[in-house]
Amino acid sequence: MIKLSCDTSKLEKQLMELINKLDKISESTIKEGCENIEAQAKELCPVDDGDLKDSINTRYNDKSCEHEGYVYAGVPYAPYVELGTRSRAPQPFMYPAYKANEDFFKQRLIELINKEVR
């Protein structure tokens, strides 16, 4: 009779450590990216009395291995400024801020994951 066995406890421990590191990396990357988008949206935002600019904020929902960040303008007329109306030309500030930072997430995640995995 031949008996084969394999102890995977060390591998399981290493994998759990890696998962925890990746969770922290994704959380910090989401937060850093949202902060970048918020700052740029505030720079691009047209200003009359400053209410629109002051309403641009970020909100996070963090759960284990599931992170979300939302950058939003909290005044009701923000979509009309961003997209325009029949009588007003659009003055986009949120979408250009997002587009300018879109690749940041991918590049930053790859960079940090490569650093941790090595």
Protein backbone atom coordinates (compact mmCIF):
# COMPACT_ATOMS: atom_id res chain seq x y z
CA MET A 1 0.00 0.00 0.00
CA ILE A 2 1.24 3.48 -0.86
CA LYS A 3 0.11 6.44 1.18
CA LEU A 4 0.40 9.98 -0.13
CA SER A 5 -0.30 13.01 2.00
CA CYS A 6 0.07 16.72 1.77
CA ASP A 7 -0.06 19.28 4.57
CA THR A 8 -1.57 22.46 3.15
CA SER A 9 -1.85 24.37 6.43
CA LYS A 10 1.21 26.52 5.68
CA LEU A 11 -0.10 27.31 2.20
CA GLU A 12 -3.54 28.15 3.59
CA LYS A 13 -1.99 30.54 6.08
CA GLN A 14 0.05 32.25 3.35
CA LEU A 15 -3.01 32.54 1.12
CA MET A 16 -5.04 34.13 3.92
CA GLU A 17 -2.24 36.62 4.57
CA LEU A 18 -2.18 37.45 0.86
CA ILE A 19 -5.97 37.90 0.77
CA ASN A 20 -5.78 40.27 3.75
CA LYS A 21 -3.02 42.28 2.07
CA LEU A 22 -4.98 42.46 -1.19
CA ASP A 23 -8.05 43.59 0.72
CA LYS A 24 -6.09 46.45 2.31
CA ILE A 25 -4.52 47.34 -1.05
CA SER A 26 -7.90 47.55 -2.79
CA GLU A 27 -9.37 49.62 0.05
CA SER A 28 -6.50 52.13 0.01
CA THR A 29 -6.52 52.31 -3.80
CA ILE A 30 -10.25 53.06 -3.90
CA LYS A 31 -9.83 55.78 -1.28
CA GLU A 32 -6.80 57.31 -3.00
CA GLY A 33 -8.53 57.24 -6.38
CA CYS A 34 -11.71 58.83 -5.03
CA GLU A 35 -9.70 61.55 -3.32
CA ASN A 36 -7.99 62.27 -6.67
CA ILE A 37 -11.32 62.44 -8.50
CA GLU A 38 -12.88 64.64 -5.82
CA ALA A 39 -9.95 67.09 -5.90
CA GLN A 40 -9.97 67.28 -9.68
CA ALA A 41 -13.77 67.68 -9.87
CA LYS A 42 -13.48 70.62 -7.46
CA GLU A 43 -10.81 72.17 -9.68
CA LEU A 44 -12.93 71.72 -12.84
CA CYS A 45 -16.22 72.77 -11.26
CA PRO A 46 -17.61 76.12 -12.42
CA VAL A 47 -18.05 78.50 -9.49
CA ASP A 48 -20.74 81.13 -8.99
CA ASP A 49 -21.33 81.16 -5.25
CA GLY A 50 -19.30 78.02 -4.42
CA ASP A 51 -22.22 75.84 -3.31
CA LEU A 52 -21.68 73.29 -6.10
CA LYS A 53 -17.96 73.05 -5.42
CA ASP A 54 -18.54 72.74 -1.67
CA SER A 55 -21.06 69.95 -2.25
CA ILE A 56 -18.56 67.66 -3.98
CA ASN A 57 -17.73 64.89 -1.51
CA THR A 58 -16.79 61.25 -1.27
CA ARG A 59 -18.54 58.41 0.54
CA TYR A 60 -17.18 54.92 1.16
CA ASN A 61 -18.79 51.55 1.80
CA ASP A 62 -16.22 49.14 3.15
CA LYS A 63 -16.97 45.51 3.77
CA SER A 64 -14.52 42.67 3.95
CA CYS A 65 -13.15 42.17 0.43
CA GLU A 66 -15.73 44.56 -1.02
CA HIS A 67 -14.90 48.25 -1.22
CA GLU A 68 -16.84 51.01 -2.93
CA GLY A 69 -16.22 54.72 -3.20
CA TYR A 70 -18.64 57.31 -4.49
CA VAL A 71 -17.70 60.84 -5.52
CA TYR A 72 -20.81 62.98 -5.83
CA ALA A 73 -22.08 66.54 -5.99
CA GLY A 74 -24.77 67.02 -3.38
CA VAL A 75 -26.73 69.96 -4.77
CA PRO A 76 -29.86 69.19 -6.84
CA TYR A 77 -28.74 71.26 -9.84
CA ALA A 78 -25.39 69.46 -10.30
CA PRO A 79 -26.63 67.25 -13.20
CA TYR A 80 -27.85 70.35 -15.06
CA VAL A 81 -24.43 71.95 -14.78
CA GLU A 82 -22.65 68.71 -15.76
CA LEU A 83 -24.93 67.79 -18.68
CA GLY A 84 -26.44 71.14 -19.64
CA THR A 85 -30.03 72.00 -20.44
CA ARG A 86 -31.87 73.27 -23.51
CA SER A 87 -30.84 76.79 -22.67
CA ARG A 88 -27.46 76.15 -21.03
CA ALA A 89 -24.35 74.51 -22.41
CA PRO A 90 -22.89 71.65 -20.37
CA GLN A 91 -20.01 72.42 -18.03
CA PRO A 92 -18.74 68.93 -17.22
CA PHE A 93 -16.61 68.53 -14.12
CA MET A 94 -17.34 65.06 -12.70
CA TYR A 95 -16.92 62.96 -15.84
CA PRO A 96 -13.64 64.61 -16.91
CA ALA A 97 -12.30 64.12 -13.37
CA TYR A 98 -13.25 60.45 -13.53
CA LYS A 99 -11.77 59.97 -17.02
CA ALA A 100 -8.51 61.64 -15.98
CA ASN A 101 -8.16 59.12 -13.14
CA GLU A 102 -9.69 56.05 -14.78
CA ASP A 103 -6.40 54.27 -15.44
CA PHE A 104 -5.09 55.16 -11.98
CA PHE A 105 -7.07 52.33 -10.37
CA LYS A 106 -5.79 49.63 -12.68
CA GLN A 107 -2.19 50.80 -12.67
CA ARG A 108 -2.06 51.38 -8.92
CA LEU A 109 -3.63 48.00 -8.12
CA ILE A 110 -1.22 46.19 -10.43
CA GLU A 111 1.74 48.07 -8.97
CA LEU A 112 0.80 47.34 -5.35
CA ILE A 113 -0.16 43.72 -6.00
CA ASN A 114 3.12 43.06 -7.80
CA LYS A 115 4.98 44.61 -4.88
CA GLU A 116 3.18 42.40 -2.35
CA VAL A 117 3.33 39.15 -4.27
CA ARG A 118 7.09 39.24 -4.76
